[in-house]
Amino acid sequence: MTDFTLLVVDDELSIREGLARLLKSLSIRVLLAENGSVGVELAQIEKPNLMLLDLGMPIMTGFEVLEILTQIGLNIPTIVMTAYGTDTNIELVKLSSNNPNITILHKPAAPQEVLALVRDAMAKI
């Protein structure tokens, strides 16, 4: 499925590279962004089918990325990755209830869990 593009936005190099290696098994195009600002830029240019987005990043948080993409009319199905606790979880529930295209993935996640969520999202697109 080489015409499927997934954008990974995470400030941790090891996570970006690990996800890229993992997602190779799905035969999809994977783009990597090291922060939210680069993620927004790549999303505008490449218009990915799916995004894996970390919430806790410097420069621009995942919440800010989603807000900007929504404002410019890019409603990309997104798997939001977070290691945060309860307060952030409440915000995530509010966010996902307003946008059915958002799925929540708690870090650390097993590789099979990530693949299952991505496959499920791919099947819906």
PDB file of N, CA and C in Angstrom:
ATOM      1  N   MET A   1       0.851  -1.188   0.000  1.00  0.00           N
ATOM      2  CA  MET A   1       0.000   0.000   0.000  1.00  0.00           C
ATOM      3  C   MET A   1       0.886   1.236   0.000  1.00  0.00           C
ATOM      4  N   THR A   2       1.693   1.390  -0.996  1.00  0.00           N
ATOM      5  CA  THR A   2       2.664   2.471  -1.035  1.00  0.00           C
ATOM      6  C   THR A   2       2.040   3.855  -1.220  1.00  0.00           C
ATOM      7  N   ASP A   3       0.785   3.924  -1.610  1.00  0.00           N
ATOM      8  CA  ASP A   3       0.153   5.232  -1.768  1.00  0.00           C
ATOM      9  C   ASP A   3      -0.389   5.765  -0.449  1.00  0.00           C
ATOM     10  N   PHE A   4      -0.181   5.035   0.639  1.00  0.00           N
ATOM     11  CA  PHE A   4      -0.617   5.453   1.965  1.00  0.00           C
ATOM     12  C   PHE A   4       0.559   6.126   2.662  1.00  0.00           C
ATOM     13  N   THR A   5       0.326   7.343   3.180  1.00  0.00           N
ATOM     14  CA  THR A   5       1.391   8.094   3.854  1.00  0.00           C
ATOM     15  C   THR A   5       1.023   8.332   5.308  1.00  0.00           C
ATOM     16  N   LEU A   6       1.960   8.025   6.196  1.00  0.00           N
ATOM     17  CA  LEU A   6       1.780   8.224   7.626  1.00  0.00           C
ATOM     18  C   LEU A   6       2.859   9.185   8.111  1.00  0.00           C
ATOM     19  N   LEU A   7       2.444  10.189   8.864  1.00  0.00           N
ATOM     20  CA  LEU A   7       3.359  11.181   9.431  1.00  0.00           C
ATOM     21  C   LEU A   7       3.535  10.912  10.921  1.00  0.00           C
ATOM     22  N   VAL A   8       4.776  10.725  11.345  1.00  0.00           N
ATOM     23  CA  VAL A   8       5.114  10.550  12.761  1.00  0.00           C
ATOM     24  C   VAL A   8       5.686  11.867  13.266  1.00  0.00           C
ATOM     25  N   VAL A   9       5.055  12.432  14.311  1.00  0.00           N
ATOM     26  CA  VAL A   9       5.530  13.687  14.898  1.00  0.00           C
ATOM     27  C   VAL A   9       5.872  13.414  16.360  1.00  0.00           C
ATOM     28  N   ASP A  10       7.166  13.388  16.659  1.00  0.00           N
ATOM     29  CA  ASP A  10       7.621  13.112  18.023  1.00  0.00           C
ATOM     30  C   ASP A  10       8.994  13.739  18.192  1.00  0.00           C
ATOM     31  N   ASP A  11       9.237  14.361  19.336  1.00  0.00           N
ATOM     32  CA  ASP A  11      10.516  15.028  19.559  1.00  0.00           C
ATOM     33  C   ASP A  11      11.634  14.072  19.949  1.00  0.00           C
ATOM     34  N   GLU A  12      11.318  12.831  20.244  1.00  0.00           N
ATOM     35  CA  GLU A  12      12.340  11.860  20.631  1.00  0.00           C
ATOM     36  C   GLU A  12      12.788  11.057  19.416  1.00  0.00           C
ATOM     37  N   LEU A  13      14.064  11.210  19.071  1.00  0.00           N
ATOM     38  CA  LEU A  13      14.625  10.548  17.902  1.00  0.00           C
ATOM     39  C   LEU A  13      14.433   9.035  17.962  1.00  0.00           C
ATOM     40  N   SER A  14      14.678   8.442  19.119  1.00  0.00           N
ATOM     41  CA  SER A  14      14.569   6.984  19.234  1.00  0.00           C
ATOM     42  C   SER A  14      13.148   6.498  18.965  1.00  0.00           C
ATOM     43  N   ILE A  15      12.162   7.274  19.368  1.00  0.00           N
ATOM     44  CA  ILE A  15      10.766   6.897  19.108  1.00  0.00           C
ATOM     45  C   ILE A  15      10.449   7.040  17.630  1.00  0.00           C
ATOM     46  N   ARG A  16      10.859   8.155  17.022  1.00  0.00           N
ATOM     47  CA  ARG A  16      10.632   8.336  15.579  1.00  0.00           C
ATOM     48  C   ARG A  16      11.253   7.202  14.777  1.00  0.00           C
ATOM     49  N   GLU A  17      12.519   6.915  15.063  1.00  0.00           N
ATOM     50  CA  GLU A  17      13.213   5.874  14.312  1.00  0.00           C
ATOM     51  C   GLU A  17      12.621   4.496  14.580  1.00  0.00           C
ATOM     52  N   GLY A  18      12.254   4.232  15.827  1.00  0.00           N
ATOM     53  CA  GLY A  18      11.641   2.944  16.173  1.00  0.00           C
ATOM     54  C   GLY A  18      10.310   2.749  15.472  1.00  0.00           C
ATOM     55  N   LEU A  19       9.496   3.793  15.428  1.00  0.00           N
ATOM     56  CA  LEU A  19       8.210   3.703  14.734  1.00  0.00           C
ATOM     57  C   LEU A  19       8.415   3.524  13.231  1.00  0.00           C
ATOM     58  N   ALA A  20       9.395   4.214  12.677  1.00  0.00           N
ATOM     59  CA  ALA A  20       9.678   4.075  11.241  1.00  0.00           C
ATOM     60  C   ALA A  20      10.052   2.634  10.911  1.00  0.00           C
ATOM     61  N   ARG A  21      10.914   2.025  11.740  1.00  0.00           N
ATOM     62  CA  ARG A  21      11.303   0.623  11.520  1.00  0.00           C
ATOM     63  C   ARG A  21      10.094  -0.298  11.642  1.00  0.00           C
ATOM     64  N   LEU A  22       9.289  -0.074  12.662  1.00  0.00           N
ATOM     65  CA  LEU A  22       8.111  -0.906  12.903  1.00  0.00           C
ATOM     66  C   LEU A  22       7.109  -0.813  11.750  1.00  0.00           C
ATOM     67  N   LEU A  23       6.884   0.410  11.275  1.00  0.00           N
ATOM     68  CA  LEU A  23       5.860   0.633  10.256  1.00  0.00           C
ATOM     69  C   LEU A  23       6.289   0.194   8.855  1.00  0.00           C
ATOM     70  N   LYS A  24       7.593  -0.068   8.671  1.00  0.00           N
ATOM     71  CA  LYS A  24       8.084  -0.575   7.384  1.00  0.00           C
ATOM     72  C   LYS A  24       7.356  -1.858   6.996  1.00  0.00           C
ATOM     73  N   SER A  25       6.985  -2.653   8.004  1.00  0.00           N
ATOM     74  CA  SER A  25       6.322  -3.936   7.741  1.00  0.00           C
ATOM     75  C   SER A  25       4.967  -3.758   7.070  1.00  0.00           C
ATOM     76  N   LEU A  26       4.415  -2.556   7.117  1.00  0.00           N
ATOM     77  CA  LEU A  26       3.104  -2.295   6.513  1.00  0.00           C
ATOM     78  C   LEU A  26       3.220  -1.811   5.067  1.00  0.00           C
ATOM     79  N   SER A  27       4.435  -1.659   4.585  1.00  0.00           N
ATOM     80  CA  SER A  27       4.685  -1.194   3.205  1.00  0.00           C
ATOM     81  C   SER A  27       3.984   0.132   2.907  1.00  0.00           C
ATOM     82  N   ILE A  28       4.169   1.078   3.825  1.00  0.00           N
ATOM     83  CA  ILE A  28       3.592   2.418   3.644  1.00  0.00           C
ATOM     84  C   ILE A  28       4.726   3.441   3.666  1.00  0.00           C
ATOM     85  N   ARG A  29       4.424   4.618   3.184  1.00  0.00           N
ATOM     86  CA  ARG A  29       5.393   5.725   3.215  1.00  0.00           C
ATOM     87  C   ARG A  29       5.312   6.377   4.587  1.00  0.00           C
ATOM     88  N   VAL A  30       6.446   6.498   5.258  1.00  0.00           N
ATOM     89  CA  VAL A  30       6.491   7.083   6.601  1.00  0.00           C
ATOM     90  C   VAL A  30       7.340   8.347   6.559  1.00  0.00           C
ATOM     91  N   LEU A  31       6.742   9.458   7.011  1.00  0.00           N
ATOM     92  CA  LEU A  31       7.446  10.740   7.127  1.00  0.00           C
ATOM     93  C   LEU A  31       7.720  10.995   8.599  1.00  0.00           C
ATOM     94  N   LEU A  32       8.848  11.619   8.909  1.00  0.00           N
ATOM     95  CA  LEU A  32       9.226  11.882  10.295  1.00  0.00           C
ATOM     96  C   LEU A  32       9.402  13.377  10.533  1.00  0.00           C
ATOM     97  N   ALA A  33       8.808  13.856  11.628  1.00  0.00           N
ATOM     98  CA  ALA A  33       8.950  15.261  12.031  1.00  0.00           C
ATOM     99  C   ALA A  33       9.418  15.302  13.477  1.00  0.00           C
ATOM    100  N   GLU A  34      10.448  16.126  13.729  1.00  0.00           N
ATOM    101  CA  GLU A  34      11.052  16.171  15.057  1.00  0.00           C
ATOM    102  C   GLU A  34      10.358  17.121  16.030  1.00  0.00           C
ATOM    103  N   ASN A  35       9.393  17.879  15.569  1.00  0.00           N
ATOM    104  CA  ASN A  35       8.625  18.739  16.468  1.00  0.00           C
ATOM    105  C   ASN A  35       7.303  19.117  15.801  1.00  0.00           C
ATOM    106  N   GLY A  36       6.449  19.771  16.548  1.00  0.00           N
ATOM    107  CA  GLY A  36       5.126  20.123  16.034  1.00  0.00           C
ATOM    108  C   GLY A  36       5.161  21.076  14.868  1.00  0.00           C
ATOM    109  N   SER A  37       6.092  22.016  14.889  1.00  0.00           N
ATOM    110  CA  SER A  37       6.190  22.987  13.806  1.00  0.00           C
ATOM    111  C   SER A  37       6.519  22.297  12.484  1.00  0.00           C
ATOM    112  N   VAL A  38       7.499  21.406  12.507  1.00  0.00           N
ATOM    113  CA  VAL A  38       7.869  20.650  11.307  1.00  0.00           C
ATOM    114  C   VAL A  38       6.706  19.731  10.909  1.00  0.00           C
ATOM    115  N   GLY A  39       6.022  19.186  11.903  1.00  0.00           N
ATOM    116  CA  GLY A  39       4.873  18.329  11.627  1.00  0.00           C
ATOM    117  C   GLY A  39       3.767  19.052  10.885  1.00  0.00           C
ATOM    118  N   VAL A  40       3.462  20.271  11.302  1.00  0.00           N
ATOM    119  CA  VAL A  40       2.439  21.073  10.628  1.00  0.00           C
ATOM    120  C   VAL A  40       2.866  21.360   9.195  1.00  0.00           C
ATOM    121  N   GLU A  41       4.138  21.726   9.028  1.00  0.00           N
ATOM    122  CA  GLU A  41       4.651  22.031   7.688  1.00  0.00           C
ATOM    123  C   GLU A  41       4.559  20.808   6.765  1.00  0.00           C
ATOM    124  N   LEU A  42       5.000  19.652   7.264  1.00  0.00           N
ATOM    125  CA  LEU A  42       4.931  18.426   6.463  1.00  0.00           C
ATOM    126  C   LEU A  42       3.485  18.030   6.167  1.00  0.00           C
ATOM    127  N   ALA A  43       2.606  18.212   7.141  1.00  0.00           N
ATOM    128  CA  ALA A  43       1.191  17.869   6.938  1.00  0.00           C
ATOM    129  C   ALA A  43       0.587  18.720   5.823  1.00  0.00           C
ATOM    130  N   GLN A  44       0.932  19.989   5.807  1.00  0.00           N
ATOM    131  CA  GLN A  44       0.416  20.879   4.763  1.00  0.00           C
ATOM    132  C   GLN A  44       0.939  20.495   3.378  1.00  0.00           C
ATOM    133  N   ILE A  45       2.197  20.134   3.309  1.00  0.00           N
ATOM    134  CA  ILE A  45       2.816  19.807   2.021  1.00  0.00           C
ATOM    135  C   ILE A  45       2.413  18.418   1.538  1.00  0.00           C
ATOM    136  N   GLU A  46       2.505  17.436   2.423  1.00  0.00           N
ATOM    137  CA  GLU A  46       2.341  16.031   2.040  1.00  0.00           C
ATOM    138  C   GLU A  46       0.913  15.494   2.177  1.00  0.00           C
ATOM    139  N   LYS A  47       0.100  16.146   3.001  1.00  0.00           N
ATOM    140  CA  LYS A  47      -1.286  15.709   3.248  1.00  0.00           C
ATOM    141  C   LYS A  47      -1.356  14.198   3.539  1.00  0.00           C
ATOM    142  N   PRO A  48      -0.765  13.777   4.662  1.00  0.00           N
ATOM    143  CA  PRO A  48      -0.725  12.350   4.978  1.00  0.00           C
ATOM    144  C   PRO A  48      -2.124  11.779   5.248  1.00  0.00           C
ATOM    145  N   ASN A  49      -2.231  10.472   5.081  1.00  0.00           N
ATOM    146  CA  ASN A  49      -3.494   9.785   5.347  1.00  0.00           C
ATOM    147  C   ASN A  49      -3.733   9.599   6.841  1.00  0.00           C
ATOM    148  N   LEU A  50      -2.635   9.545   7.608  1.00  0.00           N
ATOM    149  CA  LEU A  50      -2.709   9.265   9.041  1.00  0.00           C
ATOM    150  C   LEU A  50      -1.520   9.922   9.723  1.00  0.00           C
ATOM    151  N   MET A  51      -1.711  10.305  10.999  1.00  0.00           N
ATOM    152  CA  MET A  51      -0.630  10.925  11.762  1.00  0.00           C
ATOM    153  C   MET A  51      -0.518  10.259  13.118  1.00  0.00           C
ATOM    154  N   LEU A  52       0.712   9.940  13.519  1.00  0.00           N
ATOM    155  CA  LEU A  52       1.026   9.517  14.887  1.00  0.00           C
ATOM    156  C   LEU A  52       1.640  10.738  15.547  1.00  0.00           C
ATOM    157  N   LEU A  53       0.998  11.255  16.581  1.00  0.00           N
ATOM    158  CA  LEU A  53       1.366  12.560  17.144  1.00  0.00           C
ATOM    159  C   LEU A  53       1.602  12.486  18.637  1.00  0.00           C
ATOM    160  N   ASP A  54       2.806  12.874  19.059  1.00  0.00           N
ATOM    161  CA  ASP A  54       3.114  12.975  20.482  1.00  0.00           C
ATOM    162  C   ASP A  54       2.500  14.254  21.026  1.00  0.00           C
ATOM    163  N   LEU A  55       2.007  14.196  22.248  1.00  0.00           N
ATOM    164  CA  LEU A  55       1.418  15.400  22.851  1.00  0.00           C
ATOM    165  C   LEU A  55       2.459  16.300  23.490  1.00  0.00           C
ATOM    166  N   GLY A  56       3.392  15.704  24.221  1.00  0.00           N
ATOM    167  CA  GLY A  56       4.333  16.498  25.011  1.00  0.00           C
ATOM    168  C   GLY A  56       5.615  16.793  24.265  1.00  0.00           C
ATOM    169  N   MET A  57       5.607  17.880  23.513  1.00  0.00           N
ATOM    170  CA  MET A  57       6.798  18.267  22.755  1.00  0.00           C
ATOM    171  C   MET A  57       7.110  19.734  22.999  1.00  0.00           C
ATOM    172  N   PRO A  58       8.411  20.077  22.951  1.00  0.00           N
ATOM    173  CA  PRO A  58       8.762  21.499  23.014  1.00  0.00           C
ATOM    174  C   PRO A  58       8.429  22.157  21.671  1.00  0.00           C
ATOM    175  N   ILE A  59       8.522  23.435  21.609  1.00  0.00           N
ATOM    176  CA  ILE A  59       8.255  24.266  20.430  1.00  0.00           C
ATOM    177  C   ILE A  59       6.758  24.348  20.165  1.00  0.00           C
ATOM    178  N   MET A  60       6.107  23.206  19.962  1.00  0.00           N
ATOM    179  CA  MET A  60       4.665  23.191  19.704  1.00  0.00           C
ATOM    180  C   MET A  60       4.121  21.849  20.196  1.00  0.00           C
ATOM    181  N   THR A  61       3.150  21.890  21.105  1.00  0.00           N
ATOM    182  CA  THR A  61       2.584  20.652  21.647  1.00  0.00           C
ATOM    183  C   THR A  61       1.694  19.963  20.613  1.00  0.00           C
ATOM    184  N   GLY A  62       1.375  18.715  20.887  1.00  0.00           N
ATOM    185  CA  GLY A  62       0.457  17.988  20.025  1.00  0.00           C
ATOM    186  C   GLY A  62      -0.913  18.643  19.970  1.00  0.00           C
ATOM    187  N   PHE A  63      -1.365  19.190  21.108  1.00  0.00           N
ATOM    188  CA  PHE A  63      -2.648  19.905  21.130  1.00  0.00           C
ATOM    189  C   PHE A  63      -2.613  21.078  20.152  1.00  0.00           C
ATOM    190  N   GLU A  64      -1.501  21.820  20.161  1.00  0.00           N
ATOM    191  CA  GLU A  64      -1.366  22.970  19.261  1.00  0.00           C
ATOM    192  C   GLU A  64      -1.324  22.531  17.793  1.00  0.00           C
ATOM    193  N   VAL A  65      -0.650  21.428  17.525  1.00  0.00           N
ATOM    194  CA  VAL A  65      -0.608  20.896  16.159  1.00  0.00           C
ATOM    195  C   VAL A  65      -2.022  20.609  15.674  1.00  0.00           C
ATOM    196  N   LEU A  66      -2.797  19.907  16.489  1.00  0.00           N
ATOM    197  CA  LEU A  66      -4.173  19.564  16.102  1.00  0.00           C
ATOM    198  C   LEU A  66      -5.018  20.816  15.885  1.00  0.00           C
ATOM    199  N   GLU A  67      -4.839  21.795  16.753  1.00  0.00           N
ATOM    200  CA  GLU A  67      -5.597  23.041  16.632  1.00  0.00           C
ATOM    201  C   GLU A  67      -5.268  23.761  15.320  1.00  0.00           C
ATOM    202  N   ILE A  68      -3.985  23.861  15.001  1.00  0.00           N
ATOM    203  CA  ILE A  68      -3.571  24.541  13.770  1.00  0.00           C
ATOM    204  C   ILE A  68      -4.068  23.794  12.543  1.00  0.00           C
ATOM    205  N   LEU A  69      -3.904  22.479  12.535  1.00  0.00           N
ATOM    206  CA  LEU A  69      -4.357  21.698  11.378  1.00  0.00           C
ATOM    207  C   LEU A  69      -5.864  21.829  11.183  1.00  0.00           C
ATOM    208  N   THR A  70      -6.609  21.860  12.260  1.00  0.00           N
ATOM    209  CA  THR A  70      -8.062  22.040  12.170  1.00  0.00           C
ATOM    210  C   THR A  70      -8.390  23.419  11.608  1.00  0.00           C
ATOM    211  N   GLN A  71      -7.679  24.444  12.087  1.00  0.00           N
ATOM    212  CA  GLN A  71      -7.921  25.809  11.617  1.00  0.00           C
ATOM    213  C   GLN A  71      -7.663  25.972  10.125  1.00  0.00           C
ATOM    214  N   ILE A  72      -6.693  25.233   9.591  1.00  0.00           N
ATOM    215  CA  ILE A  72      -6.391  25.371   8.169  1.00  0.00           C
ATOM    216  C   ILE A  72      -7.141  24.332   7.317  1.00  0.00           C
ATOM    217  N   GLY A  73      -8.020  23.587   7.966  1.00  0.00           N
ATOM    218  CA  GLY A  73      -8.880  22.667   7.226  1.00  0.00           C
ATOM    219  C   GLY A  73      -8.293  21.300   6.939  1.00  0.00           C
ATOM    220  N   LEU A  74      -7.219  20.926   7.626  1.00  0.00           N
ATOM    221  CA  LEU A  74      -6.656  19.585   7.473  1.00  0.00           C
ATOM    222  C   LEU A  74      -7.139  18.706   8.619  1.00  0.00           C
ATOM    223  N   ASN A  75      -8.066  17.838   8.333  1.00  0.00           N
ATOM    224  CA  ASN A  75      -8.622  16.946   9.352  1.00  0.00           C
ATOM    225  C   ASN A  75      -8.030  15.561   9.134  1.00  0.00           C
ATOM    226  N   ILE A  76      -6.799  15.379   9.581  1.00  0.00           N
ATOM    227  CA  ILE A  76      -6.062  14.134   9.380  1.00  0.00           C
ATOM    228  C   ILE A  76      -6.387  13.170  10.517  1.00  0.00           C
ATOM    229  N   PRO A  77      -6.818  11.958  10.199  1.00  0.00           N
ATOM    230  CA  PRO A  77      -6.993  10.962  11.266  1.00  0.00           C
ATOM    231  C   PRO A  77      -5.683  10.846  12.048  1.00  0.00           C
ATOM    232  N   THR A  78      -5.791  10.864  13.372  1.00  0.00           N
ATOM    233  CA  THR A  78      -4.601  10.968  14.211  1.00  0.00           C
ATOM    234  C   THR A  78      -4.637   9.987  15.372  1.00  0.00           C
ATOM    235  N   ILE A  79      -3.501   9.330  15.578  1.00  0.00           N
ATOM    236  CA  ILE A  79      -3.291   8.532  16.787  1.00  0.00           C
ATOM    237  C   ILE A  79      -2.412   9.384  17.686  1.00  0.00           C
ATOM    238  N   VAL A  80      -2.992   9.849  18.786  1.00  0.00           N
ATOM    239  CA  VAL A  80      -2.291  10.719  19.729  1.00  0.00           C
ATOM    240  C   VAL A  80      -1.568   9.848  20.745  1.00  0.00           C
ATOM    241  N   MET A  81      -0.260  10.058  20.848  1.00  0.00           N
ATOM    242  CA  MET A  81       0.564   9.285  21.786  1.00  0.00           C
ATOM    243  C   MET A  81       0.858  10.145  23.007  1.00  0.00           C
ATOM    244  N   THR A  82       0.632   9.564  24.185  1.00  0.00           N
ATOM    245  CA  THR A  82       0.888  10.333  25.398  1.00  0.00           C
ATOM    246  C   THR A  82       1.360   9.433  26.532  1.00  0.00           C
ATOM    247  N   ALA A  83       2.231   9.998  27.351  1.00  0.00           N
ATOM    248  CA  ALA A  83       2.678   9.326  28.565  1.00  0.00           C
ATOM    249  C   ALA A  83       2.187  10.099  29.785  1.00  0.00           C
ATOM    250  N   TYR A  84       1.346  11.099  29.529  1.00  0.00           N
ATOM    251  CA  TYR A  84       0.885  11.968  30.606  1.00  0.00           C
ATOM    252  C   TYR A  84      -0.184  11.319  31.475  1.00  0.00           C
ATOM    253  N   GLY A  85      -0.415  11.960  32.623  1.00  0.00           N
ATOM    254  CA  GLY A  85      -1.354  11.439  33.611  1.00  0.00           C
ATOM    255  C   GLY A  85      -2.772  11.952  33.461  1.00  0.00           C
ATOM    256  N   THR A  86      -3.482  11.977  34.541  1.00  0.00           N
ATOM    257  CA  THR A  86      -4.919  12.189  34.587  1.00  0.00           C
ATOM    258  C   THR A  86      -5.409  13.495  33.980  1.00  0.00           C
ATOM    259  N   ASP A  87      -4.801  14.630  34.311  1.00  0.00           N
ATOM    260  CA  ASP A  87      -5.286  15.905  33.780  1.00  0.00           C
ATOM    261  C   ASP A  87      -5.237  15.928  32.257  1.00  0.00           C
ATOM    262  N   THR A  88      -4.153  15.435  31.726  1.00  0.00           N
ATOM    263  CA  THR A  88      -4.032  15.388  30.274  1.00  0.00           C
ATOM    264  C   THR A  88      -5.023  14.391  29.698  1.00  0.00           C
ATOM    265  N   ASN A  89      -5.256  13.290  30.401  1.00  0.00           N
ATOM    266  CA  ASN A  89      -6.225  12.300  29.930  1.00  0.00           C
ATOM    267  C   ASN A  89      -7.617  12.897  29.824  1.00  0.00           C
ATOM    268  N   ILE A  90      -7.980  13.767  30.751  1.00  0.00           N
ATOM    269  CA  ILE A  90      -9.280  14.436  30.695  1.00  0.00           C
ATOM    270  C   ILE A  90      -9.353  15.308  29.449  1.00  0.00           C
ATOM    271  N   GLU A  91      -8.278  16.047  29.171  1.00  0.00           N
ATOM    272  CA  GLU A  91      -8.233  16.867  27.955  1.00  0.00           C
ATOM    273  C   GLU A  91      -8.314  15.996  26.708  1.00  0.00           C
ATOM    274  N   LEU A  92      -7.655  14.845  26.735  1.00  0.00           N
ATOM    275  CA  LEU A  92      -7.705  13.929  25.596  1.00  0.00           C
ATOM    276  C   LEU A  92      -9.109  13.404  25.355  1.00  0.00           C
ATOM    277  N   VAL A  93      -9.806  13.071  26.431  1.00  0.00           N
ATOM    278  CA  VAL A  93     -11.185  12.586  26.293  1.00  0.00           C
ATOM    279  C   VAL A  93     -12.049  13.670  25.665  1.00  0.00           C
ATOM    280  N   LYS A  94     -11.891  14.910  26.107  1.00  0.00           N
ATOM    281  CA  LYS A  94     -12.642  16.021  25.516  1.00  0.00           C
ATOM    282  C   LYS A  94     -12.294  16.170  24.041  1.00  0.00           C
ATOM    283  N   LEU A  95     -11.006  16.118  23.742  1.00  0.00           N
ATOM    284  CA  LEU A  95     -10.533  16.266  22.377  1.00  0.00           C
ATOM    285  C   LEU A  95     -11.066  15.159  21.480  1.00  0.00           C
ATOM    286  N   SER A  96     -10.959  13.911  21.919  1.00  0.00           N
ATOM    287  CA  SER A  96     -11.383  12.794  21.078  1.00  0.00           C
ATOM    288  C   SER A  96     -12.898  12.712  20.961  1.00  0.00           C
ATOM    289  N   SER A  97     -13.622  13.177  21.956  1.00  0.00           N
ATOM    290  CA  SER A  97     -15.082  13.148  21.852  1.00  0.00           C
ATOM    291  C   SER A  97     -15.584  14.171  20.834  1.00  0.00           C
ATOM    292  N   ASN A  98     -14.808  15.228  20.612  1.00  0.00           N
ATOM    293  CA  ASN A  98     -15.169  16.240  19.619  1.00  0.00           C
ATOM    294  C   ASN A  98     -14.675  15.884  18.223  1.00  0.00           C
ATOM    295  N   ASN A  99     -13.777  14.917  18.124  1.00  0.00           N
ATOM    296  CA  ASN A  99     -13.207  14.540  16.834  1.00  0.00           C
ATOM    297  C   ASN A  99     -13.088  13.021  16.746  1.00  0.00           C
ATOM    298  N   PRO A 100     -13.988  12.387  16.005  1.00  0.00           N
ATOM    299  CA  PRO A 100     -13.954  10.924  15.914  1.00  0.00           C
ATOM    300  C   PRO A 100     -12.724  10.390  15.188  1.00  0.00           C
ATOM    301  N   ASN A 101     -11.937  11.279  14.578  1.00  0.00           N
ATOM    302  CA  ASN A 101     -10.728  10.855  13.871  1.00  0.00           C
ATOM    303  C   ASN A 101      -9.512  10.761  14.785  1.00  0.00           C
ATOM    304  N   ILE A 102      -9.715  10.906  16.094  1.00  0.00           N
ATOM    305  CA  ILE A 102      -8.592  10.852  17.030  1.00  0.00           C
ATOM    306  C   ILE A 102      -8.689   9.590  17.883  1.00  0.00           C
ATOM    307  N   THR A 103      -7.570   8.861  17.922  1.00  0.00           N
ATOM    308  CA  THR A 103      -7.436   7.677  18.757  1.00  0.00           C
ATOM    309  C   THR A 103      -6.321   7.957  19.754  1.00  0.00           C
ATOM    310  N   ILE A 104      -6.454   7.475  20.972  1.00  0.00           N
ATOM    311  CA  ILE A 104      -5.464   7.725  22.014  1.00  0.00           C
ATOM    312  C   ILE A 104      -4.625   6.469  22.237  1.00  0.00           C
ATOM    313  N   LEU A 105      -3.308   6.647  22.270  1.00  0.00           N
ATOM    314  CA  LEU A 105      -2.363   5.563  22.530  1.00  0.00           C
ATOM    315  C   LEU A 105      -1.484   5.986  23.693  1.00  0.00           C
ATOM    316  N   HIS A 106      -1.519   5.208  24.771  1.00  0.00           N
ATOM    317  CA  HIS A 106      -0.707   5.538  25.941  1.00  0.00           C
ATOM    318  C   HIS A 106       0.672   4.909  25.824  1.00  0.00           C
ATOM    319  N   LYS A 107       1.688   5.743  26.069  1.00  0.00           N
ATOM    320  CA  LYS A 107       3.076   5.285  26.056  1.00  0.00           C
ATOM    321  C   LYS A 107       3.449   4.745  27.434  1.00  0.00           C
ATOM    322  N   PRO A 108       4.322   3.796  27.495  1.00  0.00           N
ATOM    323  CA  PRO A 108       4.893   3.059  26.371  1.00  0.00           C
ATOM    324  C   PRO A 108       3.875   2.055  25.830  1.00  0.00           C
ATOM    325  N   ALA A 109       3.904   1.860  24.544  1.00  0.00           N
ATOM    326  CA  ALA A 109       2.977   0.929  23.902  1.00  0.00           C
ATOM    327  C   ALA A 109       3.765  -0.210  23.265  1.00  0.00           C
ATOM    328  N   ALA A 110       3.185  -1.384  23.314  1.00  0.00           N
ATOM    329  CA  ALA A 110       3.814  -2.537  22.677  1.00  0.00           C
ATOM    330  C   ALA A 110       3.751  -2.371  21.160  1.00  0.00           C
ATOM    331  N   PRO A 111       4.763  -2.822  20.457  1.00  0.00           N
ATOM    332  CA  PRO A 111       4.757  -2.706  18.991  1.00  0.00           C
ATOM    333  C   PRO A 111       3.482  -3.266  18.347  1.00  0.00           C
ATOM    334  N   GLN A 112       3.003  -4.373  18.845  1.00  0.00           N
ATOM    335  CA  GLN A 112       1.795  -4.975  18.258  1.00  0.00           C
ATOM    336  C   GLN A 112       0.570  -4.084  18.456  1.00  0.00           C
ATOM    337  N   GLU A 113       0.538  -3.348  19.571  1.00  0.00           N
ATOM    338  CA  GLU A 113      -0.566  -2.417  19.817  1.00  0.00           C
ATOM    339  C   GLU A 113      -0.526  -1.262  18.809  1.00  0.00           C
ATOM    340  N   VAL A 114       0.663  -0.747  18.557  1.00  0.00           N
ATOM    341  CA  VAL A 114       0.824   0.332  17.582  1.00  0.00           C
ATOM    342  C   VAL A 114       0.395  -0.151  16.199  1.00  0.00           C
ATOM    343  N   LEU A 115       0.896  -1.321  15.798  1.00  0.00           N
ATOM    344  CA  LEU A 115       0.539  -1.862  14.479  1.00  0.00           C
ATOM    345  C   LEU A 115      -0.961  -2.094  14.356  1.00  0.00           C
ATOM    346  N   ALA A 116      -1.575  -2.606  15.414  1.00  0.00           N
ATOM    347  CA  ALA A 116      -3.019  -2.860  15.372  1.00  0.00           C
ATOM    348  C   ALA A 116      -3.802  -1.559  15.193  1.00  0.00           C
ATOM    349  N   LEU A 117      -3.412  -0.506  15.909  1.00  0.00           N
ATOM    350  CA  LEU A 117      -4.104   0.779  15.779  1.00  0.00           C
ATOM    351  C   LEU A 117      -3.911   1.374  14.384  1.00  0.00           C
ATOM    352  N   VAL A 118      -2.708   1.267  13.857  1.00  0.00           N
ATOM    353  CA  VAL A 118      -2.439   1.809  12.520  1.00  0.00           C
ATOM    354  C   VAL A 118      -3.220   1.010  11.476  1.00  0.00           C
ATOM    355  N   ARG A 119      -3.204  -0.307  11.582  1.00  0.00           N
ATOM    356  CA  ARG A 119      -3.973  -1.138  10.624  1.00  0.00           C
ATOM    357  C   ARG A 119      -5.448  -0.808  10.691  1.00  0.00           C
ATOM    358  N   ASP A 120      -5.963  -0.641  11.892  1.00  0.00           N
ATOM    359  CA  ASP A 120      -7.377  -0.309  12.065  1.00  0.00           C
ATOM    360  C   ASP A 120      -7.705   1.041  11.416  1.00  0.00           C
ATOM    361  N   ALA A 121      -6.840   2.015  11.646  1.00  0.00           N
ATOM    362  CA  ALA A 121      -7.034   3.339  11.044  1.00  0.00           C
ATOM    363  C   ALA A 121      -6.947   3.267   9.523  1.00  0.00           C
ATOM    364  N   MET A 122      -6.007   2.482   9.011  1.00  0.00           N
ATOM    365  CA  MET A 122      -5.851   2.337   7.573  1.00  0.00           C
ATOM    366  C   MET A 122      -7.110   1.720   6.944  1.00  0.00           C
ATOM    367  N   ALA A 123      -7.701   0.785   7.648  1.00  0.00           N
ATOM    368  CA  ALA A 123      -8.892   0.111   7.123  1.00  0.00           C
ATOM    369  C   ALA A 123     -10.082   1.065   7.041  1.00  0.00           C
ATOM    370  N   LYS A 124     -10.090   2.093   7.889  1.00  0.00           N
ATOM    371  CA  LYS A 124     -11.202   3.059   7.913  1.00  0.00           C
ATOM    372  C   LYS A 124     -11.041   4.185   6.909  1.00  0.00           C
ATOM    373  N   ILE A 125      -9.853   4.312   6.346  1.00  0.00           N
ATOM    374  CA  ILE A 125      -9.572   5.433   5.446  1.00  0.00           C
ATOM    375  C   ILE A 125      -9.841   5.028   4.005  1.00  0.00           C
TER     376      ILE A 125
END
